[in-house]
Amino acid sequence: MRADPNNDPATLTPAQKDTLRKHAKEQTPRHIALMNNLMKSGDSFEEAHKKASKLKK
């Protein structure tokens, strides 16, 4: 799930925001903030989650 190329690439789609909001219930604020930034940079949810999880350790 990538940001919509027709819009500002730094804007998450409503689906991405919803997925991240649900995920936030299980993760730290730092993890979610990092994922949010990665997703705004173009990473998918899965890519951002893997990167954020690796840095958390």
PDB file of N, CA and C in Angstrom:
ATOM      1  N   MET A   1       0.833  -1.174   0.000  1.00  0.00           N
ATOM      2  CA  MET A   1       0.000   0.000   0.000  1.00  0.00           C
ATOM      3  C   MET A   1       0.885   1.247   0.000  1.00  0.00           C
ATOM      4  N   ARG A   2       1.025   1.871  -1.113  1.00  0.00           N
ATOM      5  CA  ARG A   2       1.848   3.064  -1.224  1.00  0.00           C
ATOM      6  C   ARG A   2       0.978   4.309  -1.246  1.00  0.00           C
ATOM      7  N   ALA A   3       1.610   5.454  -0.960  1.00  0.00           N
ATOM      8  CA  ALA A   3       0.891   6.719  -1.026  1.00  0.00           C
ATOM      9  C   ALA A   3       0.415   6.954  -2.455  1.00  0.00           C
ATOM     10  N   ASP A   4      -0.689   7.614  -2.607  1.00  0.00           N
ATOM     11  CA  ASP A   4      -1.269   7.877  -3.925  1.00  0.00           C
ATOM     12  C   ASP A   4      -0.361   8.831  -4.699  1.00  0.00           C
ATOM     13  N   PRO A   5       0.170   8.416  -5.854  1.00  0.00           N
ATOM     14  CA  PRO A   5       1.093   9.274  -6.607  1.00  0.00           C
ATOM     15  C   PRO A   5       0.422  10.518  -7.171  1.00  0.00           C
ATOM     16  N   ASN A   6      -0.910  10.530  -7.259  1.00  0.00           N
ATOM     17  CA  ASN A   6      -1.609  11.701  -7.764  1.00  0.00           C
ATOM     18  C   ASN A   6      -1.724  12.802  -6.711  1.00  0.00           C
ATOM     19  N   ASN A   7      -1.535  12.438  -5.474  1.00  0.00           N
ATOM     20  CA  ASN A   7      -1.577  13.405  -4.378  1.00  0.00           C
ATOM     21  C   ASN A   7      -0.165  13.659  -3.881  1.00  0.00           C
ATOM     22  N   ASP A   8      -0.066  14.471  -2.865  1.00  0.00           N
ATOM     23  CA  ASP A   8       1.217  14.724  -2.228  1.00  0.00           C
ATOM     24  C   ASP A   8       1.773  13.394  -1.721  1.00  0.00           C
ATOM     25  N   PRO A   9       2.998  13.008  -2.119  1.00  0.00           N
ATOM     26  CA  PRO A   9       3.530  11.710  -1.690  1.00  0.00           C
ATOM     27  C   PRO A   9       3.729  11.604  -0.184  1.00  0.00           C
ATOM     28  N   ALA A  10       3.752  12.735   0.501  1.00  0.00           N
ATOM     29  CA  ALA A  10       3.935  12.705   1.948  1.00  0.00           C
ATOM     30  C   ALA A  10       2.606  12.549   2.680  1.00  0.00           C
ATOM     31  N   THR A  11       1.522  12.308   1.950  1.00  0.00           N
ATOM     32  CA  THR A  11       0.205  12.140   2.543  1.00  0.00           C
ATOM     33  C   THR A  11      -0.199  10.673   2.464  1.00  0.00           C
ATOM     34  N   LEU A  12      -0.608  10.124   3.589  1.00  0.00           N
ATOM     35  CA  LEU A  12      -1.068   8.739   3.612  1.00  0.00           C
ATOM     36  C   LEU A  12      -2.513   8.669   3.138  1.00  0.00           C
ATOM     37  N   THR A  13      -2.848   7.557   2.507  1.00  0.00           N
ATOM     38  CA  THR A  13      -4.218   7.339   2.070  1.00  0.00           C
ATOM     39  C   THR A  13      -5.087   7.058   3.295  1.00  0.00           C
ATOM     40  N   PRO A  14      -6.394   7.204   3.168  1.00  0.00           N
ATOM     41  CA  PRO A  14      -7.274   6.871   4.300  1.00  0.00           C
ATOM     42  C   PRO A  14      -7.098   5.424   4.764  1.00  0.00           C
ATOM     43  N   ALA A  15      -6.884   4.510   3.839  1.00  0.00           N
ATOM     44  CA  ALA A  15      -6.684   3.103   4.216  1.00  0.00           C
ATOM     45  C   ALA A  15      -5.391   2.926   5.016  1.00  0.00           C
ATOM     46  N   GLN A  16      -4.330   3.630   4.608  1.00  0.00           N
ATOM     47  CA  GLN A  16      -3.070   3.539   5.333  1.00  0.00           C
ATOM     48  C   GLN A  16      -3.213   4.122   6.739  1.00  0.00           C
ATOM     49  N   LYS A  17      -3.916   5.237   6.846  1.00  0.00           N
ATOM     50  CA  LYS A  17      -4.136   5.863   8.152  1.00  0.00           C
ATOM     51  C   LYS A  17      -4.914   4.930   9.063  1.00  0.00           C
ATOM     52  N   ASP A  18      -5.941   4.277   8.525  1.00  0.00           N
ATOM     53  CA  ASP A  18      -6.756   3.356   9.310  1.00  0.00           C
ATOM     54  C   ASP A  18      -5.932   2.162   9.778  1.00  0.00           C
ATOM     55  N   THR A  19      -5.134   1.601   8.883  1.00  0.00           N
ATOM     56  CA  THR A  19      -4.284   0.460   9.230  1.00  0.00           C
ATOM     57  C   THR A  19      -3.282   0.851  10.310  1.00  0.00           C
ATOM     58  N   LEU A  20      -2.677   2.012  10.166  1.00  0.00           N
ATOM     59  CA  LEU A  20      -1.692   2.472  11.145  1.00  0.00           C
ATOM     60  C   LEU A  20      -2.362   2.751  12.498  1.00  0.00           C
ATOM     61  N   ARG A  21      -3.571   3.300  12.472  1.00  0.00           N
ATOM     62  CA  ARG A  21      -4.310   3.586  13.706  1.00  0.00           C
ATOM     63  C   ARG A  21      -4.614   2.289  14.458  1.00  0.00           C
ATOM     64  N   LYS A  22      -5.019   1.252  13.746  1.00  0.00           N
ATOM     65  CA  LYS A  22      -5.297  -0.042  14.374  1.00  0.00           C
ATOM     66  C   LYS A  22      -4.013  -0.657  14.922  1.00  0.00           C
ATOM     67  N   HIS A  23      -2.940  -0.522  14.187  1.00  0.00           N
ATOM     68  CA  HIS A  23      -1.644  -1.072  14.590  1.00  0.00           C
ATOM     69  C   HIS A  23      -1.106  -0.366  15.829  1.00  0.00           C
ATOM     70  N   ALA A  24      -1.453   0.903  15.992  1.00  0.00           N
ATOM     71  CA  ALA A  24      -0.945   1.707  17.109  1.00  0.00           C
ATOM     72  C   ALA A  24      -1.391   1.172  18.471  1.00  0.00           C
ATOM     73  N   LYS A  25      -2.481   0.431  18.493  1.00  0.00           N
ATOM     74  CA  LYS A  25      -2.965  -0.127  19.760  1.00  0.00           C
ATOM     75  C   LYS A  25      -2.003  -1.163  20.322  1.00  0.00           C
ATOM     76  N   GLU A  26      -1.170  -1.739  19.464  1.00  0.00           N
ATOM     77  CA  GLU A  26      -0.269  -2.813  19.872  1.00  0.00           C
ATOM     78  C   GLU A  26       1.198  -2.396  19.914  1.00  0.00           C
ATOM     79  N   GLN A  27       1.499  -1.153  19.549  1.00  0.00           N
ATOM     80  CA  GLN A  27       2.893  -0.736  19.431  1.00  0.00           C
ATOM     81  C   GLN A  27       3.156   0.543  20.219  1.00  0.00           C
ATOM     82  N   THR A  28       4.443   0.839  20.382  1.00  0.00           N
ATOM     83  CA  THR A  28       4.835   2.054  21.098  1.00  0.00           C
ATOM     84  C   THR A  28       4.648   3.275  20.201  1.00  0.00           C
ATOM     85  N   PRO A  29       4.494   4.443  20.803  1.00  0.00           N
ATOM     86  CA  PRO A  29       4.385   5.666  19.999  1.00  0.00           C
ATOM     87  C   PRO A  29       5.607   5.891  19.105  1.00  0.00           C
ATOM     88  N   ARG A  30       6.775   5.511  19.580  1.00  0.00           N
ATOM     89  CA  ARG A  30       7.998   5.670  18.782  1.00  0.00           C
ATOM     90  C   ARG A  30       7.950   4.795  17.522  1.00  0.00           C
ATOM     91  N   HIS A  31       7.487   3.571  17.679  1.00  0.00           N
ATOM     92  CA  HIS A  31       7.370   2.640  16.558  1.00  0.00           C
ATOM     93  C   HIS A  31       6.395   3.195  15.510  1.00  0.00           C
ATOM     94  N   ILE A  32       5.259   3.693  15.968  1.00  0.00           N
ATOM     95  CA  ILE A  32       4.244   4.224  15.057  1.00  0.00           C
ATOM     96  C   ILE A  32       4.743   5.484  14.357  1.00  0.00           C
ATOM     97  N   ALA A  33       5.431   6.352  15.069  1.00  0.00           N
ATOM     98  CA  ALA A  33       5.964   7.569  14.456  1.00  0.00           C
ATOM     99  C   ALA A  33       6.971   7.225  13.368  1.00  0.00           C
ATOM    100  N   LEU A  34       7.818   6.257  13.636  1.00  0.00           N
ATOM    101  CA  LEU A  34       8.798   5.835  12.636  1.00  0.00           C
ATOM    102  C   LEU A  34       8.106   5.225  11.423  1.00  0.00           C
ATOM    103  N   MET A  35       7.119   4.372  11.667  1.00  0.00           N
ATOM    104  CA  MET A  35       6.374   3.787  10.555  1.00  0.00           C
ATOM    105  C   MET A  35       5.679   4.861   9.733  1.00  0.00           C
ATOM    106  N   ASN A  36       5.087   5.832  10.402  1.00  0.00           N
ATOM    107  CA  ASN A  36       4.397   6.925   9.717  1.00  0.00           C
ATOM    108  C   ASN A  36       5.359   7.666   8.787  1.00  0.00           C
ATOM    109  N   ASN A  37       6.536   7.983   9.282  1.00  0.00           N
ATOM    110  CA  ASN A  37       7.528   8.681   8.463  1.00  0.00           C
ATOM    111  C   ASN A  37       7.997   7.830   7.289  1.00  0.00           C
ATOM    112  N   LEU A  38       8.214   6.549   7.531  1.00  0.00           N
ATOM    113  CA  LEU A  38       8.646   5.647   6.459  1.00  0.00           C
ATOM    114  C   LEU A  38       7.576   5.497   5.385  1.00  0.00           C
ATOM    115  N   MET A  39       6.327   5.396   5.818  1.00  0.00           N
ATOM    116  CA  MET A  39       5.234   5.256   4.860  1.00  0.00           C
ATOM    117  C   MET A  39       5.049   6.536   4.050  1.00  0.00           C
ATOM    118  N   LYS A  40       5.259   7.679   4.670  1.00  0.00           N
ATOM    119  CA  LYS A  40       5.174   8.951   3.938  1.00  0.00           C
ATOM    120  C   LYS A  40       6.306   9.071   2.922  1.00  0.00           C
ATOM    121  N   SER A  41       7.396   8.363   3.186  1.00  0.00           N
ATOM    122  CA  SER A  41       8.536   8.364   2.257  1.00  0.00           C
ATOM    123  C   SER A  41       8.339   7.360   1.121  1.00  0.00           C
ATOM    124  N   GLY A  42       7.265   6.583   1.185  1.00  0.00           N
ATOM    125  CA  GLY A  42       6.974   5.660   0.089  1.00  0.00           C
ATOM    126  C   GLY A  42       7.022   4.191   0.439  1.00  0.00           C
ATOM    127  N   ASP A  43       7.427   3.835   1.652  1.00  0.00           N
ATOM    128  CA  ASP A  43       7.449   2.427   2.040  1.00  0.00           C
ATOM    129  C   ASP A  43       6.022   1.911   2.227  1.00  0.00           C
ATOM    130  N   SER A  44       5.828   0.636   1.960  1.00  0.00           N
ATOM    131  CA  SER A  44       4.532   0.021   2.236  1.00  0.00           C
ATOM    132  C   SER A  44       4.427  -0.209   3.744  1.00  0.00           C
ATOM    133  N   PHE A  45       3.237  -0.587   4.204  1.00  0.00           N
ATOM    134  CA  PHE A  45       3.042  -0.879   5.623  1.00  0.00           C
ATOM    135  C   PHE A  45       4.005  -1.970   6.065  1.00  0.00           C
ATOM    136  N   GLU A  46       4.104  -3.020   5.273  1.00  0.00           N
ATOM    137  CA  GLU A  46       4.958  -4.160   5.627  1.00  0.00           C
ATOM    138  C   GLU A  46       6.429  -3.755   5.695  1.00  0.00           C
ATOM    139  N   GLU A  47       6.889  -2.985   4.712  1.00  0.00           N
ATOM    140  CA  GLU A  47       8.282  -2.538   4.696  1.00  0.00           C
ATOM    141  C   GLU A  47       8.573  -1.652   5.907  1.00  0.00           C
ATOM    142  N   ALA A  48       7.669  -0.722   6.170  1.00  0.00           N
ATOM    143  CA  ALA A  48       7.852   0.190   7.296  1.00  0.00           C
ATOM    144  C   ALA A  48       7.854  -0.568   8.621  1.00  0.00           C
ATOM    145  N   HIS A  49       6.983  -1.559   8.742  1.00  0.00           N
ATOM    146  CA  HIS A  49       6.908  -2.330   9.984  1.00  0.00           C
ATOM    147  C   HIS A  49       8.198  -3.106  10.224  1.00  0.00           C
ATOM    148  N   LYS A  50       8.719  -3.725   9.179  1.00  0.00           N
ATOM    149  CA  LYS A  50       9.973  -4.472   9.329  1.00  0.00           C
ATOM    150  C   LYS A  50      11.115  -3.567   9.745  1.00  0.00           C
ATOM    151  N   LYS A  51      11.231  -2.407   9.116  1.00  0.00           N
ATOM    152  CA  LYS A  51      12.304  -1.464   9.454  1.00  0.00           C
ATOM    153  C   LYS A  51      12.140  -0.937  10.868  1.00  0.00           C
ATOM    154  N   ALA A  52      10.939  -0.572  11.244  1.00  0.00           N
ATOM    155  CA  ALA A  52      10.682  -0.033  12.584  1.00  0.00           C
ATOM    156  C   ALA A  52      10.938  -1.098  13.644  1.00  0.00           C
ATOM    157  N   SER A  53      10.589  -2.338  13.360  1.00  0.00           N
ATOM    158  CA  SER A  53      10.798  -3.415  14.321  1.00  0.00           C
ATOM    159  C   SER A  53      12.280  -3.696  14.530  1.00  0.00           C
ATOM    160  N   LYS A  54      13.049  -3.617  13.465  1.00  0.00           N
ATOM    161  CA  LYS A  54      14.499  -3.848  13.577  1.00  0.00           C
ATOM    162  C   LYS A  54      15.164  -2.761  14.397  1.00  0.00           C
ATOM    163  N   LEU A  55      14.747  -1.525  14.226  1.00  0.00           N
ATOM    164  CA  LEU A  55      15.363  -0.416  14.950  1.00  0.00           C
ATOM    165  C   LEU A  55      14.935  -0.365  16.404  1.00  0.00           C
ATOM    166  N   LYS A  56      13.824  -0.994  16.702  1.00  0.00           N
ATOM    167  CA  LYS A  56      13.289  -0.965  18.073  1.00  0.00           C
ATOM    168  C   LYS A  56      14.172  -1.746  19.031  1.00  0.00           C
ATOM    169  N   LYS A  57      14.882  -2.758  18.522  1.00  0.00           N
ATOM    170  CA  LYS A  57      15.660  -3.659  19.379  1.00  0.00           C
ATOM    171  C   LYS A  57      16.924  -3.041  19.886  1.00  0.00           C
TER     172      LYS A  57
END
